[in-house]
């Protein structure tokens, strides 16, 4: 890989982690068959992970249903403890709206916030 070049590989371990979280937290609005997980390397971002949407216009243009991509940035994510990895994945899953439309929920809305307290509450439920 050249300097400054990003690389993505399928991340089956992340896919399994996402499925476990969705099942244990009863996030039944999330269709795990339509979440694709990648591990990236070479990014200059400080993020540990990010979620990518599949906007409605692309869905219509390609005649495909909604999908999401969860990308973990290996240089930051892989160093985390197993518990912190789960917290990061919970955070990314909270960006998926209840209608699974392909759009993303921002960190702050009128109805809910995606913050450390909410993530920690769900993490505690996951561990029980």
C-alpha atoms as a PDB file:
ATOM      1  CA  UNK A   1       0.000   0.000   0.000  1.00  0.00           C
ATOM      2  CA  UNK A   2       1.335   3.427  -0.926  1.00  0.00           C
ATOM      3  CA  UNK A   3       1.702   6.161   1.674  1.00  0.00           C
ATOM      4  CA  UNK A   4      -1.562   8.094   2.028  1.00  0.00           C
ATOM      5  CA  UNK A   5      -3.566   5.318   0.364  1.00  0.00           C
ATOM      6  CA  UNK A   6      -6.491   3.720   2.153  1.00  0.00           C
ATOM      7  CA  UNK A   7      -7.296   0.042   2.040  1.00  0.00           C
ATOM      8  CA  UNK A   8     -10.513  -1.754   3.038  1.00  0.00           C
ATOM      9  CA  UNK A   9     -11.022  -5.430   3.835  1.00  0.00           C
ATOM     10  CA  UNK A  10     -14.140  -7.289   4.861  1.00  0.00           C
ATOM     11  CA  UNK A  11     -14.319  -7.652   8.643  1.00  0.00           C
ATOM     12  CA  UNK A  12     -16.173 -10.822   9.587  1.00  0.00           C
ATOM     13  CA  UNK A  13     -15.236 -10.354  13.265  1.00  0.00           C
ATOM     14  CA  UNK A  14     -16.989  -6.989  13.261  1.00  0.00           C
ATOM     15  CA  UNK A  15     -20.008  -8.487  11.493  1.00  0.00           C
ATOM     16  CA  UNK A  16     -20.260 -11.132  14.228  1.00  0.00           C
ATOM     17  CA  UNK A  17     -19.910  -8.469  16.923  1.00  0.00           C
ATOM     18  CA  UNK A  18     -22.665  -6.373  15.366  1.00  0.00           C
ATOM     19  CA  UNK A  19     -24.987  -9.382  15.124  1.00  0.00           C
ATOM     20  CA  UNK A  20     -24.381 -10.250  18.775  1.00  0.00           C
ATOM     21  CA  UNK A  21     -25.121  -6.691  19.915  1.00  0.00           C
ATOM     22  CA  UNK A  22     -28.272  -6.420  17.789  1.00  0.00           C
ATOM     23  CA  UNK A  23     -29.582  -9.749  19.096  1.00  0.00           C
ATOM     24  CA  UNK A  24     -28.738  -9.214  22.776  1.00  0.00           C
ATOM     25  CA  UNK A  25     -30.093  -5.646  22.849  1.00  0.00           C
ATOM     26  CA  UNK A  26     -33.229  -6.604  20.862  1.00  0.00           C
ATOM     27  CA  UNK A  27     -32.567  -3.968  18.203  1.00  0.00           C
ATOM     28  CA  UNK A  28     -35.049  -5.767  15.962  1.00  0.00           C
ATOM     29  CA  UNK A  29     -35.413  -2.829  13.568  1.00  0.00           C
ATOM     30  CA  UNK A  30     -31.847  -3.478  12.391  1.00  0.00           C
ATOM     31  CA  UNK A  31     -31.528  -5.965   9.536  1.00  0.00           C
ATOM     32  CA  UNK A  32     -28.040  -7.399  10.024  1.00  0.00           C
ATOM     33  CA  UNK A  33     -28.148  -8.900   6.533  1.00  0.00           C
ATOM     34  CA  UNK A  34     -27.938  -5.339   5.224  1.00  0.00           C
ATOM     35  CA  UNK A  35     -25.032  -4.164   7.347  1.00  0.00           C
ATOM     36  CA  UNK A  36     -21.642  -4.659   5.759  1.00  0.00           C
ATOM     37  CA  UNK A  37     -18.541  -4.332   7.916  1.00  0.00           C
ATOM     38  CA  UNK A  38     -15.067  -3.306   6.789  1.00  0.00           C
ATOM     39  CA  UNK A  39     -11.730  -2.733   8.456  1.00  0.00           C
ATOM     40  CA  UNK A  40      -9.742   0.104   6.927  1.00  0.00           C
ATOM     41  CA  UNK A  41      -6.112   1.063   7.157  1.00  0.00           C
ATOM     42  CA  UNK A  42      -4.265   4.129   5.975  1.00  0.00           C
ATOM     43  CA  UNK A  43      -6.842   6.716   7.038  1.00  0.00           C
ATOM     44  CA  UNK A  44      -5.689   9.954   8.610  1.00  0.00           C
ATOM     45  CA  UNK A  45      -8.980  10.273  10.516  1.00  0.00           C
ATOM     46  CA  UNK A  46      -8.913  10.194  14.297  1.00  0.00           C
ATOM     47  CA  UNK A  47     -12.182   8.228  14.372  1.00  0.00           C
ATOM     48  CA  UNK A  48     -12.258   4.697  15.736  1.00  0.00           C
ATOM     49  CA  UNK A  49     -15.169   3.748  13.522  1.00  0.00           C
ATOM     50  CA  UNK A  50     -17.755   5.320  11.282  1.00  0.00           C
ATOM     51  CA  UNK A  51     -21.020   4.356   9.685  1.00  0.00           C
ATOM     52  CA  UNK A  52     -21.858   5.051   6.048  1.00  0.00           C
ATOM     53  CA  UNK A  53     -25.367   5.577   4.754  1.00  0.00           C
ATOM     54  CA  UNK A  54     -26.896   4.504   1.472  1.00  0.00           C
ATOM     55  CA  UNK A  55     -29.097   7.472   0.533  1.00  0.00           C
ATOM     56  CA  UNK A  56     -32.534   6.956  -0.946  1.00  0.00           C
ATOM     57  CA  UNK A  57     -31.585   8.382  -4.332  1.00  0.00           C
ATOM     58  CA  UNK A  58     -28.908   5.685  -4.723  1.00  0.00           C
ATOM     59  CA  UNK A  59     -31.355   3.037  -3.540  1.00  0.00           C
ATOM     60  CA  UNK A  60     -33.841   4.111  -6.211  1.00  0.00           C
ATOM     61  CA  UNK A  61     -31.238   4.523  -8.940  1.00  0.00           C
ATOM     62  CA  UNK A  62     -29.802   1.051  -8.341  1.00  0.00           C
ATOM     63  CA  UNK A  63     -33.107  -0.630  -7.369  1.00  0.00           C
ATOM     64  CA  UNK A  64     -31.639  -1.785  -4.066  1.00  0.00           C
ATOM     65  CA  UNK A  65     -32.951  -1.679  -0.493  1.00  0.00           C
ATOM     66  CA  UNK A  66     -31.270   0.317   2.259  1.00  0.00           C
ATOM     67  CA  UNK A  67     -27.839  -0.769   3.476  1.00  0.00           C
ATOM     68  CA  UNK A  68     -25.298   0.469   5.974  1.00  0.00           C
ATOM     69  CA  UNK A  69     -21.544   0.088   6.115  1.00  0.00           C
ATOM     70  CA  UNK A  70     -19.723   0.063   9.420  1.00  0.00           C
ATOM     71  CA  UNK A  71     -16.054   0.823   8.974  1.00  0.00           C
ATOM     72  CA  UNK A  72     -13.585   0.310  11.805  1.00  0.00           C
ATOM     73  CA  UNK A  73     -10.293   2.149  11.422  1.00  0.00           C
ATOM     74  CA  UNK A  74      -7.719  -0.466  12.338  1.00  0.00           C
ATOM     75  CA  UNK A  75      -5.035   1.892  13.624  1.00  0.00           C
ATOM     76  CA  UNK A  76      -7.399   3.094  16.388  1.00  0.00           C
ATOM     77  CA  UNK A  77     -10.074   0.415  16.795  1.00  0.00           C
ATOM     78  CA  UNK A  78      -7.843  -2.653  16.979  1.00  0.00           C
ATOM     79  CA  UNK A  79      -5.964  -1.264  20.018  1.00  0.00           C
ATOM     80  CA  UNK A  80      -9.154  -1.024  22.084  1.00  0.00           C
ATOM     81  CA  UNK A  81     -10.184  -3.505  24.761  1.00  0.00           C
ATOM     82  CA  UNK A  82     -12.994  -5.917  23.820  1.00  0.00           C
ATOM     83  CA  UNK A  83     -15.431  -3.896  25.980  1.00  0.00           C
ATOM     84  CA  UNK A  84     -14.481  -0.612  24.325  1.00  0.00           C
ATOM     85  CA  UNK A  85     -14.847  -2.219  20.890  1.00  0.00           C
ATOM     86  CA  UNK A  86     -18.413  -3.160  21.843  1.00  0.00           C
ATOM     87  CA  UNK A  87     -19.091   0.392  23.033  1.00  0.00           C
ATOM     88  CA  UNK A  88     -17.869   1.773  19.705  1.00  0.00           C
ATOM     89  CA  UNK A  89     -20.085  -0.638  17.754  1.00  0.00           C
ATOM     90  CA  UNK A  90     -23.105   0.253  19.916  1.00  0.00           C
ATOM     91  CA  UNK A  91     -22.438   3.920  19.174  1.00  0.00           C
ATOM     92  CA  UNK A  92     -22.348   3.277  15.421  1.00  0.00           C
ATOM     93  CA  UNK A  93     -25.541   1.187  15.543  1.00  0.00           C
ATOM     94  CA  UNK A  94     -27.351   4.051  17.300  1.00  0.00           C
ATOM     95  CA  UNK A  95     -26.912   6.087  14.116  1.00  0.00           C
ATOM     96  CA  UNK A  96     -29.333   3.731  12.322  1.00  0.00           C
ATOM     97  CA  UNK A  97     -32.903   5.100  12.425  1.00  0.00           C
ATOM     98  CA  UNK A  98     -35.807   2.921  13.541  1.00  0.00           C
ATOM     99  CA  UNK A  99     -37.183   2.850   9.972  1.00  0.00           C
ATOM    100  CA  UNK A 100     -33.866   1.483   8.596  1.00  0.00           C
ATOM    101  CA  UNK A 101     -34.214   3.898   5.689  1.00  0.00           C
ATOM    102  CA  UNK A 102     -30.582   4.218   4.692  1.00  0.00           C
ATOM    103  CA  UNK A 103     -30.242   7.626   6.331  1.00  0.00           C
ATOM    104  CA  UNK A 104     -28.347   8.365   9.553  1.00  0.00           C
ATOM    105  CA  UNK A 105     -29.410   9.686  12.936  1.00  0.00           C
ATOM    106  CA  UNK A 106     -27.240  12.646  13.985  1.00  0.00           C
ATOM    107  CA  UNK A 107     -25.654  12.813  17.439  1.00  0.00           C
ATOM    108  CA  UNK A 108     -28.318  15.211  18.688  1.00  0.00           C
ATOM    109  CA  UNK A 109     -31.977  15.264  17.737  1.00  0.00           C
ATOM    110  CA  UNK A 110     -35.159  16.485  19.410  1.00  0.00           C
ATOM    111  CA  UNK A 111     -35.951  12.928  20.439  1.00  0.00           C
ATOM    112  CA  UNK A 112     -32.660  11.340  21.439  1.00  0.00           C
ATOM    113  CA  UNK A 113     -28.947  11.827  21.806  1.00  0.00           C
ATOM    114  CA  UNK A 114     -26.132   9.547  20.895  1.00  0.00           C
ATOM    115  CA  UNK A 115     -23.797  10.195  23.795  1.00  0.00           C
ATOM    116  CA  UNK A 116     -21.607   8.285  26.209  1.00  0.00           C
ATOM    117  CA  UNK A 117     -24.380   7.903  28.812  1.00  0.00           C
ATOM    118  CA  UNK A 118     -26.721   6.256  26.322  1.00  0.00           C
ATOM    119  CA  UNK A 119     -23.956   4.026  24.956  1.00  0.00           C
ATOM    120  CA  UNK A 120     -22.909   3.049  28.490  1.00  0.00           C
ATOM    121  CA  UNK A 121     -26.499   2.196  29.448  1.00  0.00           C
ATOM    122  CA  UNK A 122     -26.835  -0.121  26.460  1.00  0.00           C
ATOM    123  CA  UNK A 123     -23.385  -1.587  27.121  1.00  0.00           C
ATOM    124  CA  UNK A 124     -24.474  -2.499  30.670  1.00  0.00           C
ATOM    125  CA  UNK A 125     -27.609  -4.183  29.285  1.00  0.00           C
ATOM    126  CA  UNK A 126     -25.417  -6.084  26.839  1.00  0.00           C
ATOM    127  CA  UNK A 127     -23.231  -7.397  29.675  1.00  0.00           C
ATOM    128  CA  UNK A 128     -26.189  -8.551  31.832  1.00  0.00           C
END
